[in-house]
Amino acid sequence: MEKKIPESFYIYRELLSKITRQKEELKKKYQFKIDSLTSEVDFLKEQIDAQNTMIAQTIEYMERLENQVNNMNVAIKEDKK
């Protein structure tokens, strides 16, 4: 006598296959989103680094200007004597 496979097995197998496909689709979607966010974060890091460099250069420039102004003030005071 041949054993008959229960119908529930086929239903379960089909459901398992469907869930596995959905899982893979979700995995791909989330990986795409993660890659996109990682790319955006990297871009923002570059922007922040560029702004930090600009701020540092501005501070250095202002310090040089301040030194020049102070030197001019000293020179003016010496000329008045």
PDB file of N, CA and C in Angstrom:
ATOM      1  N   MET A   1       0.833  -1.180   0.000  1.00  0.00           N
ATOM      2  CA  MET A   1       0.000   0.000   0.000  1.00  0.00           C
ATOM      3  C   MET A   1       0.882   1.250   0.000  1.00  0.00           C
ATOM      4  N   GLU A   2       0.569   2.126  -0.875  1.00  0.00           N
ATOM      5  CA  GLU A   2       1.340   3.349  -1.050  1.00  0.00           C
ATOM      6  C   GLU A   2       0.907   4.383  -0.020  1.00  0.00           C
ATOM      7  N   LYS A   3       1.936   5.034   0.578  1.00  0.00           N
ATOM      8  CA  LYS A   3       1.613   6.063   1.579  1.00  0.00           C
ATOM      9  C   LYS A   3       1.244   7.356   0.870  1.00  0.00           C
ATOM     10  N   LYS A   4       0.206   7.944   1.346  1.00  0.00           N
ATOM     11  CA  LYS A   4      -0.246   9.203   0.779  1.00  0.00           C
ATOM     12  C   LYS A   4       0.279  10.342   1.652  1.00  0.00           C
ATOM     13  N   ILE A   5       0.874  11.336   0.986  1.00  0.00           N
ATOM     14  CA  ILE A   5       1.389  12.498   1.716  1.00  0.00           C
ATOM     15  C   ILE A   5       0.203  13.383   2.063  1.00  0.00           C
ATOM     16  N   PRO A   6       0.121  13.784   3.323  1.00  0.00           N
ATOM     17  CA  PRO A   6      -1.026  14.609   3.735  1.00  0.00           C
ATOM     18  C   PRO A   6      -1.030  15.965   3.015  1.00  0.00           C
ATOM     19  N   GLU A   7      -2.211  16.430   2.753  1.00  0.00           N
ATOM     20  CA  GLU A   7      -2.367  17.714   2.076  1.00  0.00           C
ATOM     21  C   GLU A   7      -1.756  18.845   2.894  1.00  0.00           C
ATOM     22  N   SER A   8      -1.808  18.727   4.194  1.00  0.00           N
ATOM     23  CA  SER A   8      -1.245  19.765   5.065  1.00  0.00           C
ATOM     24  C   SER A   8       0.256  19.951   4.816  1.00  0.00           C
ATOM     25  N   PHE A   9       0.929  18.872   4.428  1.00  0.00           N
ATOM     26  CA  PHE A   9       2.357  18.975   4.121  1.00  0.00           C
ATOM     27  C   PHE A   9       2.578  19.910   2.937  1.00  0.00           C
ATOM     28  N   TYR A  10       1.768  19.761   1.903  1.00  0.00           N
ATOM     29  CA  TYR A  10       1.901  20.614   0.717  1.00  0.00           C
ATOM     30  C   TYR A  10       1.577  22.069   1.043  1.00  0.00           C
ATOM     31  N   ILE A  11       0.566  22.248   1.848  1.00  0.00           N
ATOM     32  CA  ILE A  11       0.202  23.605   2.272  1.00  0.00           C
ATOM     33  C   ILE A  11       1.345  24.215   3.071  1.00  0.00           C
ATOM     34  N   TYR A  12       1.879  23.444   3.988  1.00  0.00           N
ATOM     35  CA  TYR A  12       2.993  23.923   4.811  1.00  0.00           C
ATOM     36  C   TYR A  12       4.196  24.246   3.934  1.00  0.00           C
ATOM     37  N   ARG A  13       4.512  23.361   2.989  1.00  0.00           N
ATOM     38  CA  ARG A  13       5.664  23.571   2.110  1.00  0.00           C
ATOM     39  C   ARG A  13       5.475  24.824   1.264  1.00  0.00           C
ATOM     40  N   GLU A  14       4.287  25.040   0.755  1.00  0.00           N
ATOM     41  CA  GLU A  14       3.999  26.231  -0.044  1.00  0.00           C
ATOM     42  C   GLU A  14       4.113  27.491   0.815  1.00  0.00           C
ATOM     43  N   LEU A  15       3.579  27.428   2.002  1.00  0.00           N
ATOM     44  CA  LEU A  15       3.653  28.562   2.921  1.00  0.00           C
ATOM     45  C   LEU A  15       5.104  28.869   3.288  1.00  0.00           C
ATOM     46  N   LEU A  16       5.862  27.847   3.554  1.00  0.00           N
ATOM     47  CA  LEU A  16       7.274  28.019   3.892  1.00  0.00           C
ATOM     48  C   LEU A  16       8.037  28.650   2.731  1.00  0.00           C
ATOM     49  N   SER A  17       7.745  28.210   1.535  1.00  0.00           N
ATOM     50  CA  SER A  17       8.386  28.768   0.344  1.00  0.00           C
ATOM     51  C   SER A  17       8.029  30.246   0.178  1.00  0.00           C
ATOM     52  N   LYS A  18       6.755  30.558   0.366  1.00  0.00           N
ATOM     53  CA  LYS A  18       6.288  31.944   0.252  1.00  0.00           C
ATOM     54  C   LYS A  18       6.961  32.825   1.304  1.00  0.00           C
ATOM     55  N   ILE A  19       7.027  32.361   2.518  1.00  0.00           N
ATOM     56  CA  ILE A  19       7.649  33.121   3.606  1.00  0.00           C
ATOM     57  C   ILE A  19       9.138  33.314   3.340  1.00  0.00           C
ATOM     58  N   THR A  20       9.780  32.300   2.815  1.00  0.00           N
ATOM     59  CA  THR A  20      11.207  32.404   2.496  1.00  0.00           C
ATOM     60  C   THR A  20      11.441  33.464   1.424  1.00  0.00           C
ATOM     61  N   ARG A  21      10.593  33.489   0.400  1.00  0.00           N
ATOM     62  CA  ARG A  21      10.704  34.520  -0.650  1.00  0.00           C
ATOM     63  C   ARG A  21      10.480  35.911  -0.061  1.00  0.00           C
ATOM     64  N   GLN A  22       9.465  36.050   0.784  1.00  0.00           N
ATOM     65  CA  GLN A  22       9.193  37.344   1.413  1.00  0.00           C
ATOM     66  C   GLN A  22      10.374  37.793   2.266  1.00  0.00           C
ATOM     67  N   LYS A  23      10.943  36.858   2.972  1.00  0.00           N
ATOM     68  CA  LYS A  23      12.101  37.166   3.814  1.00  0.00           C
ATOM     69  C   LYS A  23      13.254  37.680   2.961  1.00  0.00           C
ATOM     70  N   GLU A  24      13.509  37.036   1.846  1.00  0.00           N
ATOM     71  CA  GLU A  24      14.592  37.457   0.954  1.00  0.00           C
ATOM     72  C   GLU A  24      14.311  38.836   0.360  1.00  0.00           C
ATOM     73  N   GLU A  25      13.055  39.079  -0.022  1.00  0.00           N
ATOM     74  CA  GLU A  25      12.685  40.392  -0.555  1.00  0.00           C
ATOM     75  C   GLU A  25      12.901  41.477   0.494  1.00  0.00           C
ATOM     76  N   LEU A  26      12.453  41.214   1.707  1.00  0.00           N
ATOM     77  CA  LEU A  26      12.648  42.187   2.786  1.00  0.00           C
ATOM     78  C   LEU A  26      14.129  42.412   3.061  1.00  0.00           C
ATOM     79  N   LYS A  27      14.885  41.343   3.036  1.00  0.00           N
ATOM     80  CA  LYS A  27      16.324  41.447   3.266  1.00  0.00           C
ATOM     81  C   LYS A  27      16.968  42.349   2.213  1.00  0.00           C
ATOM     82  N   LYS A  28      16.578  42.169   0.945  1.00  0.00           N
ATOM     83  CA  LYS A  28      17.112  43.001  -0.138  1.00  0.00           C
ATOM     84  C   LYS A  28      16.702  44.457   0.045  1.00  0.00           C
ATOM     85  N   LYS A  29      15.431  44.685   0.389  1.00  0.00           N
ATOM     86  CA  LYS A  29      14.945  46.056   0.583  1.00  0.00           C
ATOM     87  C   LYS A  29      15.689  46.742   1.722  1.00  0.00           C
ATOM     88  N   TYR A  30      15.825  46.046   2.834  1.00  0.00           N
ATOM     89  CA  TYR A  30      16.511  46.641   3.980  1.00  0.00           C
ATOM     90  C   TYR A  30      17.984  46.867   3.688  1.00  0.00           C
ATOM     91  N   GLN A  31      18.603  45.953   2.959  1.00  0.00           N
ATOM     92  CA  GLN A  31      20.010  46.129   2.607  1.00  0.00           C
ATOM     93  C   GLN A  31      20.174  47.354   1.711  1.00  0.00           C
ATOM     94  N   PHE A  32      19.232  47.540   0.779  1.00  0.00           N
ATOM     95  CA  PHE A  32      19.266  48.717  -0.084  1.00  0.00           C
ATOM     96  C   PHE A  32      19.127  49.988   0.749  1.00  0.00           C
ATOM     97  N   LYS A  33      18.192  49.985   1.692  1.00  0.00           N
ATOM     98  CA  LYS A  33      17.999  51.148   2.558  1.00  0.00           C
ATOM     99  C   LYS A  33      19.236  51.410   3.407  1.00  0.00           C
ATOM    100  N   ILE A  34      19.829  50.363   3.940  1.00  0.00           N
ATOM    101  CA  ILE A  34      21.038  50.512   4.759  1.00  0.00           C
ATOM    102  C   ILE A  34      22.169  51.082   3.918  1.00  0.00           C
ATOM    103  N   ASP A  35      22.335  50.563   2.706  1.00  0.00           N
ATOM    104  CA  ASP A  35      23.383  51.072   1.819  1.00  0.00           C
ATOM    105  C   ASP A  35      23.147  52.540   1.491  1.00  0.00           C
ATOM    106  N   SER A  36      21.896  52.884   1.241  1.00  0.00           N
ATOM    107  CA  SER A  36      21.546  54.267   0.929  1.00  0.00           C
ATOM    108  C   SER A  36      21.845  55.182   2.114  1.00  0.00           C
ATOM    109  N   LEU A  37      21.451  54.761   3.308  1.00  0.00           N
ATOM    110  CA  LEU A  37      21.705  55.564   4.506  1.00  0.00           C
ATOM    111  C   LEU A  37      23.199  55.672   4.794  1.00  0.00           C
ATOM    112  N   THR A  38      23.927  54.592   4.584  1.00  0.00           N
ATOM    113  CA  THR A  38      25.371  54.616   4.795  1.00  0.00           C
ATOM    114  C   THR A  38      26.021  55.611   3.850  1.00  0.00           C
ATOM    115  N   SER A  39      25.580  55.607   2.614  1.00  0.00           N
ATOM    116  CA  SER A  39      26.100  56.552   1.626  1.00  0.00           C
ATOM    117  C   SER A  39      25.801  57.988   2.045  1.00  0.00           C
ATOM    118  N   GLU A  40      24.590  58.222   2.511  1.00  0.00           N
ATOM    119  CA  GLU A  40      24.206  59.570   2.949  1.00  0.00           C
ATOM    120  C   GLU A  40      25.013  60.002   4.171  1.00  0.00           C
ATOM    121  N   VAL A  41      25.217  59.100   5.112  1.00  0.00           N
ATOM    122  CA  VAL A  41      26.007  59.410   6.309  1.00  0.00           C
ATOM    123  C   VAL A  41      27.446  59.736   5.917  1.00  0.00           C
ATOM    124  N   ASP A  42      28.011  58.974   4.988  1.00  0.00           N
ATOM    125  CA  ASP A  42      29.371  59.250   4.522  1.00  0.00           C
ATOM    126  C   ASP A  42      29.461  60.635   3.892  1.00  0.00           C
ATOM    127  N   PHE A  43      28.458  60.987   3.080  1.00  0.00           N
ATOM    128  CA  PHE A  43      28.427  62.311   2.461  1.00  0.00           C
ATOM    129  C   PHE A  43      28.358  63.400   3.525  1.00  0.00           C
ATOM    130  N   LEU A  44      27.501  63.204   4.521  1.00  0.00           N
ATOM    131  CA  LEU A  44      27.368  64.198   5.589  1.00  0.00           C
ATOM    132  C   LEU A  44      28.658  64.325   6.395  1.00  0.00           C
ATOM    133  N   LYS A  45      29.349  63.209   6.619  1.00  0.00           N
ATOM    134  CA  LYS A  45      30.636  63.259   7.315  1.00  0.00           C
ATOM    135  C   LYS A  45      31.633  64.097   6.528  1.00  0.00           C
ATOM    136  N   GLU A  46      31.655  63.912   5.207  1.00  0.00           N
ATOM    137  CA  GLU A  46      32.546  64.709   4.362  1.00  0.00           C
ATOM    138  C   GLU A  46      32.202  66.188   4.471  1.00  0.00           C
ATOM    139  N   GLN A  47      30.917  66.496   4.464  1.00  0.00           N
ATOM    140  CA  GLN A  47      30.485  67.889   4.578  1.00  0.00           C
ATOM    141  C   GLN A  47      30.908  68.487   5.919  1.00  0.00           C
ATOM    142  N   ILE A  48      30.744  67.730   6.984  1.00  0.00           N
ATOM    143  CA  ILE A  48      31.128  68.203   8.320  1.00  0.00           C
ATOM    144  C   ILE A  48      32.631  68.410   8.393  1.00  0.00           C
ATOM    145  N   ASP A  49      33.403  67.480   7.841  1.00  0.00           N
ATOM    146  CA  ASP A  49      34.858  67.626   7.827  1.00  0.00           C
ATOM    147  C   ASP A  49      35.273  68.879   7.064  1.00  0.00           C
ATOM    148  N   ALA A  50      34.623  69.121   5.926  1.00  0.00           N
ATOM    149  CA  ALA A  50      34.931  70.309   5.130  1.00  0.00           C
ATOM    150  C   ALA A  50      34.597  71.579   5.914  1.00  0.00           C
ATOM    151  N   GLN A  51      33.472  71.570   6.614  1.00  0.00           N
ATOM    152  CA  GLN A  51      33.096  72.743   7.407  1.00  0.00           C
ATOM    153  C   GLN A  51      34.061  72.949   8.572  1.00  0.00           C
ATOM    154  N   ASN A  52      34.479  71.858   9.207  1.00  0.00           N
ATOM    155  CA  ASN A  52      35.453  71.974  10.300  1.00  0.00           C
ATOM    156  C   ASN A  52      36.763  72.556   9.798  1.00  0.00           C
ATOM    157  N   THR A  53      37.199  72.128   8.624  1.00  0.00           N
ATOM    158  CA  THR A  53      38.426  72.664   8.028  1.00  0.00           C
ATOM    159  C   THR A  53      38.259  74.152   7.745  1.00  0.00           C
ATOM    160  N   MET A  54      37.110  74.521   7.190  1.00  0.00           N
ATOM    161  CA  MET A  54      36.849  75.921   6.892  1.00  0.00           C
ATOM    162  C   MET A  54      36.847  76.766   8.167  1.00  0.00           C
ATOM    163  N   ILE A  55      36.245  76.265   9.218  1.00  0.00           N
ATOM    164  CA  ILE A  55      36.203  76.991  10.495  1.00  0.00           C
ATOM    165  C   ILE A  55      37.609  77.152  11.053  1.00  0.00           C
ATOM    166  N   ALA A  56      38.404  76.090  11.005  1.00  0.00           N
ATOM    167  CA  ALA A  56      39.778  76.155  11.510  1.00  0.00           C
ATOM    168  C   ALA A  56      40.587  77.176  10.718  1.00  0.00           C
ATOM    169  N   GLN A  57      40.436  77.192   9.404  1.00  0.00           N
ATOM    170  CA  GLN A  57      41.155  78.157   8.572  1.00  0.00           C
ATOM    171  C   GLN A  57      40.696  79.583   8.868  1.00  0.00           C
ATOM    172  N   THR A  58      39.405  79.759   9.105  1.00  0.00           N
ATOM    173  CA  THR A  58      38.879  81.088   9.434  1.00  0.00           C
ATOM    174  C   THR A  58      39.446  81.579  10.759  1.00  0.00           C
ATOM    175  N   ILE A  59      39.524  80.699  11.735  1.00  0.00           N
ATOM    176  CA  ILE A  59      40.085  81.072  13.041  1.00  0.00           C
ATOM    177  C   ILE A  59      41.551  81.453  12.897  1.00  0.00           C
ATOM    178  N   GLU A  60      42.309  80.672  12.133  1.00  0.00           N
ATOM    179  CA  GLU A  60      43.725  80.995  11.909  1.00  0.00           C
ATOM    180  C   GLU A  60      43.864  82.355  11.231  1.00  0.00           C
ATOM    181  N   TYR A  61      43.030  82.614  10.231  1.00  0.00           N
ATOM    182  CA  TYR A  61      43.070  83.886   9.518  1.00  0.00           C
ATOM    183  C   TYR A  61      42.743  85.042  10.460  1.00  0.00           C
ATOM    184  N   MET A  62      41.739  84.859  11.304  1.00  0.00           N
ATOM    185  CA  MET A  62      41.368  85.916  12.254  1.00  0.00           C
ATOM    186  C   MET A  62      42.482  86.155  13.266  1.00  0.00           C
ATOM    187  N   GLU A  63      43.156  85.098  13.694  1.00  0.00           N
ATOM    188  CA  GLU A  63      44.277  85.263  14.628  1.00  0.00           C
ATOM    189  C   GLU A  63      45.404  86.049  13.972  1.00  0.00           C
ATOM    190  N   ARG A  64      45.672  85.761  12.701  1.00  0.00           N
ATOM    191  CA  ARG A  64      46.711  86.524  11.988  1.00  0.00           C
ATOM    192  C   ARG A  64      46.307  87.989  11.870  1.00  0.00           C
ATOM    193  N   LEU A  65      45.037  88.238  11.532  1.00  0.00           N
ATOM    194  CA  LEU A  65      44.565  89.624  11.435  1.00  0.00           C
ATOM    195  C   LEU A  65      44.663  90.335  12.781  1.00  0.00           C
ATOM    196  N   GLU A  66      44.306  89.627  13.843  1.00  0.00           N
ATOM    197  CA  GLU A  66      44.392  90.213  15.182  1.00  0.00           C
ATOM    198  C   GLU A  66      45.836  90.579  15.514  1.00  0.00           C
ATOM    199  N   ASN A  67      46.764  89.699  15.179  1.00  0.00           N
ATOM    200  CA  ASN A  67      48.180  89.997  15.411  1.00  0.00           C
ATOM    201  C   ASN A  67      48.624  91.201  14.593  1.00  0.00           C
ATOM    202  N   GLN A  68      48.171  91.288  13.344  1.00  0.00           N
ATOM    203  CA  GLN A  68      48.536  92.433  12.504  1.00  0.00           C
ATOM    204  C   GLN A  68      47.977  93.733  13.079  1.00  0.00           C
ATOM    205  N   VAL A  69      46.730  93.700  13.549  1.00  0.00           N
ATOM    206  CA  VAL A  69      46.115  94.893  14.148  1.00  0.00           C
ATOM    207  C   VAL A  69      46.877  95.295  15.406  1.00  0.00           C
ATOM    208  N   ASN A  70      47.211  94.323  16.238  1.00  0.00           N
ATOM    209  CA  ASN A  70      47.973  94.623  17.455  1.00  0.00           C
ATOM    210  C   ASN A  70      49.335  95.208  17.111  1.00  0.00           C
ATOM    211  N   ASN A  71      50.001  94.654  16.110  1.00  0.00           N
ATOM    212  CA  ASN A  71      51.298  95.190  15.686  1.00  0.00           C
ATOM    213  C   ASN A  71      51.156  96.606  15.150  1.00  0.00           C
ATOM    214  N   MET A  72      50.078  96.865  14.401  1.00  0.00           N
ATOM    215  CA  MET A  72      49.844  98.219  13.892  1.00  0.00           C
ATOM    216  C   MET A  72      49.586  99.182  15.048  1.00  0.00           C
ATOM    217  N   ASN A  73      48.827  98.752  16.051  1.00  0.00           N
ATOM    218  CA  ASN A  73      48.561  99.604  17.216  1.00  0.00           C
ATOM    219  C   ASN A  73      49.856  99.938  17.944  1.00  0.00           C
ATOM    220  N   VAL A  74      50.724  98.950  18.102  1.00  0.00           N
ATOM    221  CA  VAL A  74      52.015  99.184  18.753  1.00  0.00           C
ATOM    222  C   VAL A  74      52.836 100.158  17.927  1.00  0.00           C
ATOM    223  N   ALA A  75      52.855  99.975  16.608  1.00  0.00           N
ATOM    224  CA  ALA A  75      53.628 100.860  15.730  1.00  0.00           C
ATOM    225  C   ALA A  75      53.080 102.279  15.789  1.00  0.00           C
ATOM    226  N   ILE A  76      51.751 102.418  15.815  1.00  0.00           N
ATOM    227  CA  ILE A  76      51.138 103.753  15.882  1.00  0.00           C
ATOM    228  C   ILE A  76      51.486 104.423  17.207  1.00  0.00           C
ATOM    229  N   LYS A  77      51.422 103.684  18.291  1.00  0.00           N
ATOM    230  CA  LYS A  77      51.759 104.244  19.601  1.00  0.00           C
ATOM    231  C   LYS A  77      53.219 104.675  19.647  1.00  0.00           C
ATOM    232  N   GLU A  78      54.098 103.894  19.026  1.00  0.00           N
ATOM    233  CA  GLU A  78      55.523 104.242  19.011  1.00  0.00           C
ATOM    234  C   GLU A  78      55.766 105.470  18.151  1.00  0.00           C
ATOM    235  N   ASP A  79      55.009 105.612  17.060  1.00  0.00           N
ATOM    236  CA  ASP A  79      55.165 106.781  16.191  1.00  0.00           C
ATOM    237  C   ASP A  79      54.687 108.052  16.887  1.00  0.00           C
ATOM    238  N   LYS A  80      53.715 107.935  17.779  1.00  0.00           N
ATOM    239  CA  LYS A  80      53.185 109.104  18.481  1.00  0.00           C
ATOM    240  C   LYS A  80      54.163 109.617  19.524  1.00  0.00           C
ATOM    241  N   LYS A  81      55.086 108.777  19.973  1.00  0.00           N
ATOM    242  CA  LYS A  81      56.026 109.203  21.016  1.00  0.00           C
ATOM    243  C   LYS A  81      57.032 110.133  20.503  1.00  0.00           C
TER     244      LYS A  81
END
